[in-house]
């Protein structure tokens, strides 16, 4: 029994390692990543349209995507925490790049995972709330 658990854990680790490998390889290819997200989103909405159900899943996915988009556009540091304008000449010349609360890759990954999860949910009648 212990050997079966060990082989199962090793298989899970190998699957996670393979998935992480492909995610790392896709980091430098933003356009194909976003195209794949668009295709996945179109498939989800096509399935919802053809089945004529699971509208609550579409609604939940829309809210999830909007929440991620807002986090992507938001700055890491809240500008209302401190003074908005520079108070000295040295502070005014200091360059502060815009850092996002959610980086682009994490934004894409969250959106893609949410879309795939929504697609899988459309196969279970439990989630088809009228």
N, C-alpha and C. Protein backbone atom coordinates (compact mmCIF):
# COMPACT_ATOMS: atom_id res chain seq x y z
N UNK A 1 0.83 -1.20 0.00
CA UNK A 1 0.00 0.00 0.00
C UNK A 1 0.87 1.26 0.00
N UNK A 2 1.96 1.20 0.76
CA UNK A 2 2.85 2.35 0.84
C UNK A 2 3.54 2.62 -0.49
N UNK A 3 3.83 1.55 -1.23
CA UNK A 3 4.47 1.70 -2.53
C UNK A 3 3.53 2.37 -3.52
N UNK A 4 2.23 2.06 -3.46
CA UNK A 4 1.25 2.70 -4.34
C UNK A 4 1.16 4.19 -4.06
N UNK A 5 1.18 4.56 -2.78
CA UNK A 5 1.13 5.98 -2.41
C UNK A 5 2.37 6.71 -2.90
N UNK A 6 3.51 6.05 -2.79
CA UNK A 6 4.76 6.66 -3.23
C UNK A 6 4.76 6.86 -4.74
N UNK A 7 4.29 5.87 -5.49
CA UNK A 7 4.26 6.01 -6.95
C UNK A 7 3.25 7.08 -7.37
N UNK A 8 2.14 7.19 -6.63
CA UNK A 8 1.14 8.21 -6.92
C UNK A 8 1.71 9.61 -6.68
N UNK A 9 2.42 9.77 -5.58
CA UNK A 9 3.05 11.06 -5.28
C UNK A 9 4.11 11.40 -6.32
N UNK A 10 4.86 10.40 -6.76
CA UNK A 10 5.88 10.64 -7.77
C UNK A 10 5.25 11.03 -9.10
N UNK A 11 4.13 10.41 -9.44
CA UNK A 11 3.42 10.76 -10.68
C UNK A 11 2.89 12.18 -10.61
N UNK A 12 2.31 12.56 -9.46
CA UNK A 12 1.83 13.94 -9.29
C UNK A 12 2.97 14.94 -9.42
N UNK A 13 4.11 14.62 -8.82
CA UNK A 13 5.27 15.52 -8.90
C UNK A 13 5.76 15.64 -10.33
N UNK A 14 5.76 14.55 -11.07
CA UNK A 14 6.19 14.60 -12.47
C UNK A 14 5.23 15.43 -13.32
N UNK A 15 3.94 15.32 -13.06
CA UNK A 15 2.95 16.11 -13.81
C UNK A 15 3.12 17.59 -13.49
N UNK A 16 3.29 17.91 -12.20
CA UNK A 16 3.50 19.32 -11.83
C UNK A 16 4.77 19.87 -12.46
N UNK A 17 5.82 19.06 -12.47
CA UNK A 17 7.10 19.50 -13.04
C UNK A 17 6.95 19.74 -14.54
N UNK A 18 6.24 18.86 -15.24
CA UNK A 18 6.03 19.04 -16.68
C UNK A 18 5.19 20.29 -16.96
N UNK A 19 4.14 20.50 -16.17
CA UNK A 19 3.31 21.69 -16.35
C UNK A 19 4.11 22.96 -16.10
N UNK A 20 4.93 22.96 -15.06
CA UNK A 20 5.75 24.13 -14.76
C UNK A 20 6.78 24.37 -15.86
N UNK A 21 7.32 23.31 -16.42
CA UNK A 21 8.27 23.43 -17.52
C UNK A 21 7.64 24.16 -18.70
N UNK A 22 6.41 23.75 -19.08
CA UNK A 22 5.76 24.39 -20.22
C UNK A 22 5.31 25.80 -19.90
N UNK A 23 4.94 26.06 -18.66
CA UNK A 23 4.61 27.44 -18.28
C UNK A 23 5.85 28.33 -18.37
N UNK A 24 6.99 27.81 -17.93
CA UNK A 24 8.23 28.58 -18.01
C UNK A 24 8.63 28.84 -19.46
N UNK A 25 8.41 27.85 -20.32
CA UNK A 25 8.74 28.03 -21.74
C UNK A 25 7.82 29.06 -22.40
N UNK A 26 6.57 29.18 -21.92
CA UNK A 26 5.61 30.09 -22.56
C UNK A 26 5.74 31.52 -22.06
N UNK A 27 6.56 31.76 -21.06
CA UNK A 27 6.69 33.10 -20.49
C UNK A 27 7.13 34.13 -21.53
N UNK A 28 8.00 33.75 -22.43
CA UNK A 28 8.53 34.71 -23.40
C UNK A 28 7.67 34.86 -24.66
N UNK A 29 6.53 34.19 -24.69
CA UNK A 29 5.64 34.24 -25.86
C UNK A 29 4.27 34.79 -25.47
N UNK A 30 4.15 36.12 -25.29
CA UNK A 30 2.87 36.66 -24.82
C UNK A 30 1.74 36.58 -25.85
N UNK A 31 2.04 36.77 -27.12
CA UNK A 31 0.98 36.78 -28.12
C UNK A 31 0.32 35.40 -28.25
N UNK A 32 1.09 34.32 -28.39
CA UNK A 32 0.43 33.00 -28.44
C UNK A 32 -0.32 32.66 -27.15
N UNK A 33 0.18 33.13 -26.00
CA UNK A 33 -0.53 32.89 -24.74
C UNK A 33 -1.89 33.55 -24.76
N UNK A 34 -1.95 34.82 -25.17
CA UNK A 34 -3.23 35.53 -25.17
C UNK A 34 -4.16 35.02 -26.26
N UNK A 35 -3.61 34.55 -27.37
CA UNK A 35 -4.45 33.94 -28.40
C UNK A 35 -5.07 32.66 -27.86
N UNK A 36 -4.27 31.87 -27.13
CA UNK A 36 -4.82 30.63 -26.55
C UNK A 36 -5.91 30.95 -25.53
N UNK A 37 -5.74 32.03 -24.77
CA UNK A 37 -6.79 32.43 -23.83
C UNK A 37 -8.05 32.85 -24.58
N UNK A 38 -7.90 33.61 -25.65
CA UNK A 38 -9.05 34.03 -26.44
C UNK A 38 -9.80 32.85 -27.05
N UNK A 39 -9.05 31.86 -27.52
CA UNK A 39 -9.67 30.66 -28.09
C UNK A 39 -10.42 29.90 -26.99
N UNK A 40 -9.79 29.75 -25.81
CA UNK A 40 -10.45 29.05 -24.70
C UNK A 40 -11.72 29.78 -24.28
N UNK A 41 -11.66 31.12 -24.22
CA UNK A 41 -12.84 31.90 -23.83
C UNK A 41 -13.95 31.76 -24.88
N UNK A 42 -13.57 31.77 -26.15
CA UNK A 42 -14.57 31.59 -27.21
C UNK A 42 -15.21 30.21 -27.13
N UNK A 43 -14.43 29.19 -26.82
CA UNK A 43 -14.98 27.83 -26.69
C UNK A 43 -15.96 27.76 -25.53
N UNK A 44 -15.62 28.40 -24.40
CA UNK A 44 -16.53 28.39 -23.25
C UNK A 44 -17.84 29.07 -23.61
N UNK A 45 -17.78 30.24 -24.22
CA UNK A 45 -19.01 30.95 -24.55
C UNK A 45 -19.78 30.25 -25.67
N UNK A 46 -19.10 29.60 -26.59
CA UNK A 46 -19.78 28.82 -27.61
C UNK A 46 -20.52 27.65 -26.97
N UNK A 47 -19.89 26.98 -26.03
CA UNK A 47 -20.55 25.87 -25.33
C UNK A 47 -21.77 26.37 -24.57
N UNK A 48 -21.65 27.49 -23.88
CA UNK A 48 -22.78 28.04 -23.13
C UNK A 48 -23.91 28.42 -24.08
N UNK A 49 -23.58 28.97 -25.22
CA UNK A 49 -24.59 29.36 -26.21
C UNK A 49 -25.29 28.12 -26.79
N UNK A 50 -24.52 27.11 -27.14
CA UNK A 50 -25.10 25.92 -27.77
C UNK A 50 -25.94 25.10 -26.79
N UNK A 51 -25.52 25.05 -25.53
CA UNK A 51 -26.25 24.27 -24.53
C UNK A 51 -27.45 25.06 -24.03
N UNK A 52 -27.42 26.38 -24.17
CA UNK A 52 -28.46 27.27 -23.67
C UNK A 52 -28.66 27.09 -22.16
N UNK A 53 -27.57 27.09 -21.45
CA UNK A 53 -27.61 26.96 -20.00
C UNK A 53 -26.29 27.44 -19.42
N UNK A 54 -26.12 27.22 -18.14
CA UNK A 54 -24.88 27.56 -17.42
C UNK A 54 -24.58 29.06 -17.48
N UNK A 55 -25.62 29.88 -17.46
CA UNK A 55 -25.41 31.32 -17.54
C UNK A 55 -24.77 31.86 -16.27
N UNK A 56 -25.00 31.19 -15.15
CA UNK A 56 -24.38 31.62 -13.90
C UNK A 56 -22.86 31.44 -13.96
N UNK A 57 -22.41 30.44 -14.71
CA UNK A 57 -20.97 30.24 -14.88
C UNK A 57 -20.39 31.37 -15.71
N UNK A 58 -21.10 31.78 -16.76
CA UNK A 58 -20.63 32.90 -17.58
C UNK A 58 -20.59 34.19 -16.76
N UNK A 59 -21.58 34.37 -15.92
CA UNK A 59 -21.62 35.56 -15.07
C UNK A 59 -20.46 35.53 -14.08
N UNK A 60 -20.24 34.40 -13.44
CA UNK A 60 -19.13 34.27 -12.49
C UNK A 60 -17.78 34.45 -13.16
N UNK A 61 -17.64 33.89 -14.36
CA UNK A 61 -16.38 34.05 -15.09
C UNK A 61 -16.15 35.51 -15.46
N UNK A 62 -17.20 36.20 -15.86
CA UNK A 62 -17.06 37.62 -16.19
C UNK A 62 -16.62 38.45 -14.99
N UNK A 63 -17.20 38.18 -13.83
CA UNK A 63 -16.79 38.90 -12.62
C UNK A 63 -15.35 38.56 -12.25
N UNK A 64 -14.98 37.29 -12.38
CA UNK A 64 -13.61 36.86 -12.08
C UNK A 64 -12.61 37.55 -13.00
N UNK A 65 -12.91 37.59 -14.29
CA UNK A 65 -12.01 38.23 -15.26
C UNK A 65 -11.92 39.74 -15.00
N UNK A 66 -13.04 40.36 -14.66
CA UNK A 66 -13.02 41.79 -14.36
C UNK A 66 -12.20 42.09 -13.11
N UNK A 67 -12.34 41.25 -12.10
CA UNK A 67 -11.56 41.43 -10.87
C UNK A 67 -10.06 41.29 -11.16
N UNK A 68 -9.68 40.32 -11.97
CA UNK A 68 -8.27 40.16 -12.34
C UNK A 68 -7.77 41.34 -13.18
N UNK A 69 -8.62 41.85 -14.05
CA UNK A 69 -8.23 42.98 -14.89
C UNK A 69 -7.99 44.23 -14.05
N UNK A 70 -8.83 44.44 -13.06
CA UNK A 70 -8.65 45.58 -12.16
C UNK A 70 -7.36 45.43 -11.37
N UNK A 71 -7.08 44.21 -10.89
CA UNK A 71 -5.83 43.97 -10.17
C UNK A 71 -4.62 44.17 -11.08
N UNK A 72 -4.76 43.82 -12.37
CA UNK A 72 -3.67 44.01 -13.33
C UNK A 72 -3.39 45.49 -13.57
N UNK A 73 -4.45 46.30 -13.61
CA UNK A 73 -4.27 47.73 -13.88
C UNK A 73 -3.89 48.54 -12.65
N UNK A 74 -4.08 47.99 -11.47
CA UNK A 74 -3.83 48.73 -10.23
C UNK A 74 -2.33 48.77 -9.92
N UNK A 75 -1.88 49.88 -9.37
CA UNK A 75 -0.47 49.95 -8.97
C UNK A 75 -0.23 49.16 -7.69
N UNK A 76 1.02 48.75 -7.50
CA UNK A 76 1.38 47.97 -6.32
C UNK A 76 1.27 48.82 -5.06
N UNK A 77 1.75 50.05 -5.16
CA UNK A 77 1.68 50.98 -4.03
C UNK A 77 0.49 51.91 -4.23
N UNK A 78 -0.29 52.05 -3.19
CA UNK A 78 -1.45 52.93 -3.26
C UNK A 78 -0.99 54.39 -3.22
N UNK A 79 -1.32 55.20 -4.23
CA UNK A 79 -0.84 56.58 -4.26
C UNK A 79 -1.46 57.45 -3.17
N UNK A 80 -2.52 57.01 -2.54
CA UNK A 80 -3.15 57.83 -1.49
C UNK A 80 -2.48 57.65 -0.14
N UNK A 81 -1.51 56.73 -0.04
CA UNK A 81 -0.83 56.50 1.24
C UNK A 81 0.10 57.65 1.62
N UNK A 82 0.75 58.25 0.66
CA UNK A 82 1.71 59.31 0.96
C UNK A 82 1.40 60.55 0.15
N UNK A 83 2.28 61.53 0.23
CA UNK A 83 2.06 62.75 -0.56
C UNK A 83 2.12 62.44 -2.05
N UNK A 84 1.22 63.04 -2.79
CA UNK A 84 1.13 62.78 -4.21
C UNK A 84 2.18 63.50 -5.03
N UNK A 85 2.54 64.70 -4.61
CA UNK A 85 3.51 65.48 -5.35
C UNK A 85 4.86 65.45 -4.63
N UNK A 86 5.94 65.58 -5.39
CA UNK A 86 7.26 65.58 -4.74
C UNK A 86 7.41 66.79 -3.83
N UNK A 87 8.06 66.59 -2.70
CA UNK A 87 8.25 67.67 -1.73
C UNK A 87 9.63 68.30 -1.83
N UNK A 88 10.56 67.64 -2.55
CA UNK A 88 11.90 68.21 -2.71
C UNK A 88 12.34 68.00 -4.16
N UNK A 89 13.42 68.68 -4.52
CA UNK A 89 13.93 68.57 -5.88
C UNK A 89 14.48 67.17 -6.15
N UNK A 90 15.11 66.57 -5.16
CA UNK A 90 15.66 65.22 -5.33
C UNK A 90 14.54 64.19 -5.52
N UNK A 91 13.44 64.38 -4.82
CA UNK A 91 12.31 63.47 -4.94
C UNK A 91 11.64 63.61 -6.30
N UNK A 92 11.64 64.81 -6.84
CA UNK A 92 11.01 65.06 -8.13
C UNK A 92 11.79 64.45 -9.28
N UNK A 93 13.12 64.33 -9.14
CA UNK A 93 13.95 63.77 -10.19
C UNK A 93 14.08 62.25 -10.10
N UNK A 94 13.62 61.68 -9.01
CA UNK A 94 13.72 60.24 -8.82
C UNK A 94 12.74 59.53 -9.76
N UNK A 95 13.24 58.51 -10.45
CA UNK A 95 12.41 57.75 -11.38
C UNK A 95 11.79 56.56 -10.65
N UNK A 96 10.48 56.49 -10.67
CA UNK A 96 9.77 55.36 -10.07
C UNK A 96 8.94 54.71 -11.16
N UNK A 97 9.35 53.52 -11.60
CA UNK A 97 8.57 52.84 -12.64
C UNK A 97 7.22 52.37 -12.09
N UNK A 98 6.28 52.23 -12.99
CA UNK A 98 4.95 51.75 -12.60
C UNK A 98 5.04 50.25 -12.37
N UNK A 99 4.78 49.83 -11.15
CA UNK A 99 4.76 48.41 -10.84
C UNK A 99 3.32 47.99 -10.58
N UNK A 100 2.94 46.92 -11.19
CA UNK A 100 1.56 46.44 -11.10
C UNK A 100 1.36 45.56 -9.89
N UNK A 101 0.11 45.53 -9.44
CA UNK A 101 -0.26 44.65 -8.34
C UNK A 101 -0.21 43.19 -8.81
N UNK A 102 -0.56 42.96 -10.08
CA UNK A 102 -0.53 41.61 -10.65
C UNK A 102 0.23 41.66 -11.97
N UNK A 103 1.35 40.95 -12.06
CA UNK A 103 2.12 40.96 -13.32
C UNK A 103 1.32 40.33 -14.48
N UNK A 104 1.77 40.61 -15.69
CA UNK A 104 1.04 40.16 -16.88
C UNK A 104 0.95 38.65 -16.96
N UNK A 105 2.01 37.94 -16.64
CA UNK A 105 1.98 36.48 -16.73
C UNK A 105 1.00 35.88 -15.72
N UNK A 106 1.01 36.40 -14.50
CA UNK A 106 0.07 35.90 -13.49
C UNK A 106 -1.37 36.25 -13.87
N UNK A 107 -1.55 37.40 -14.50
CA UNK A 107 -2.87 37.79 -14.99
C UNK A 107 -3.36 36.81 -16.04
N UNK A 108 -2.50 36.50 -17.00
CA UNK A 108 -2.87 35.54 -18.04
C UNK A 108 -3.15 34.17 -17.44
N UNK A 109 -2.29 33.73 -16.53
CA UNK A 109 -2.46 32.40 -15.95
C UNK A 109 -3.75 32.29 -15.16
N UNK A 110 -4.08 33.31 -14.38
CA UNK A 110 -5.33 33.28 -13.61
C UNK A 110 -6.53 33.27 -14.55
N UNK A 111 -6.49 34.09 -15.60
CA UNK A 111 -7.60 34.14 -16.55
C UNK A 111 -7.75 32.82 -17.30
N UNK A 112 -6.64 32.23 -17.70
CA UNK A 112 -6.69 30.97 -18.44
C UNK A 112 -7.20 29.84 -17.55
N UNK A 113 -6.72 29.78 -16.32
CA UNK A 113 -7.18 28.74 -15.39
C UNK A 113 -8.67 28.91 -15.08
N UNK A 114 -9.10 30.15 -14.88
CA UNK A 114 -10.51 30.40 -14.62
C UNK A 114 -11.39 30.01 -15.79
N UNK A 115 -10.93 30.27 -16.99
CA UNK A 115 -11.69 29.92 -18.19
C UNK A 115 -11.77 28.40 -18.37
N UNK A 116 -10.65 27.72 -18.15
CA UNK A 116 -10.66 26.25 -18.25
C UNK A 116 -11.53 25.63 -17.17
N UNK A 117 -11.50 26.17 -15.97
CA UNK A 117 -12.36 25.68 -14.90
C UNK A 117 -13.82 25.88 -15.25
N UNK A 118 -14.14 27.04 -15.81
CA UNK A 118 -15.53 27.31 -16.22
C UNK A 118 -15.98 26.33 -17.31
N UNK A 119 -15.08 26.03 -18.22
CA UNK A 119 -15.40 25.07 -19.28
C UNK A 119 -15.71 23.70 -18.68
N UNK A 120 -14.89 23.26 -17.73
CA UNK A 120 -15.14 21.97 -17.09
C UNK A 120 -16.44 21.98 -16.29
N UNK A 121 -16.79 23.11 -15.70
CA UNK A 121 -18.02 23.20 -14.91
C UNK A 121 -19.26 23.05 -15.79
N UNK A 122 -19.15 23.37 -17.08
CA UNK A 122 -20.32 23.28 -17.94
C UNK A 122 -20.69 21.83 -18.28
N UNK A 123 -19.89 20.88 -17.85
CA UNK A 123 -20.20 19.47 -18.10
C UNK A 123 -20.97 18.83 -16.94
N UNK A 124 -21.21 19.58 -15.88
CA UNK A 124 -21.92 19.05 -14.72
C UNK A 124 -23.22 19.82 -14.52
N UNK A 125 -24.32 19.11 -14.50
CA UNK A 125 -25.64 19.74 -14.40
C UNK A 125 -25.86 20.42 -13.05
N UNK A 126 -25.01 20.11 -12.07
CA UNK A 126 -25.12 20.75 -10.76
C UNK A 126 -24.96 22.26 -10.88
N UNK A 127 -24.13 22.70 -11.81
CA UNK A 127 -23.83 24.13 -11.95
C UNK A 127 -24.81 24.85 -12.88
N UNK A 128 -25.76 24.14 -13.44
CA UNK A 128 -26.74 24.76 -14.33
C UNK A 128 -27.91 25.29 -13.51
N UNK A 129 -27.70 26.45 -12.88
CA UNK A 129 -28.72 27.06 -12.05
C UNK A 129 -29.65 27.89 -12.94
N UNK A 130 -30.96 27.63 -12.88
CA UNK A 130 -31.88 28.37 -13.75
C UNK A 130 -32.04 29.82 -13.34
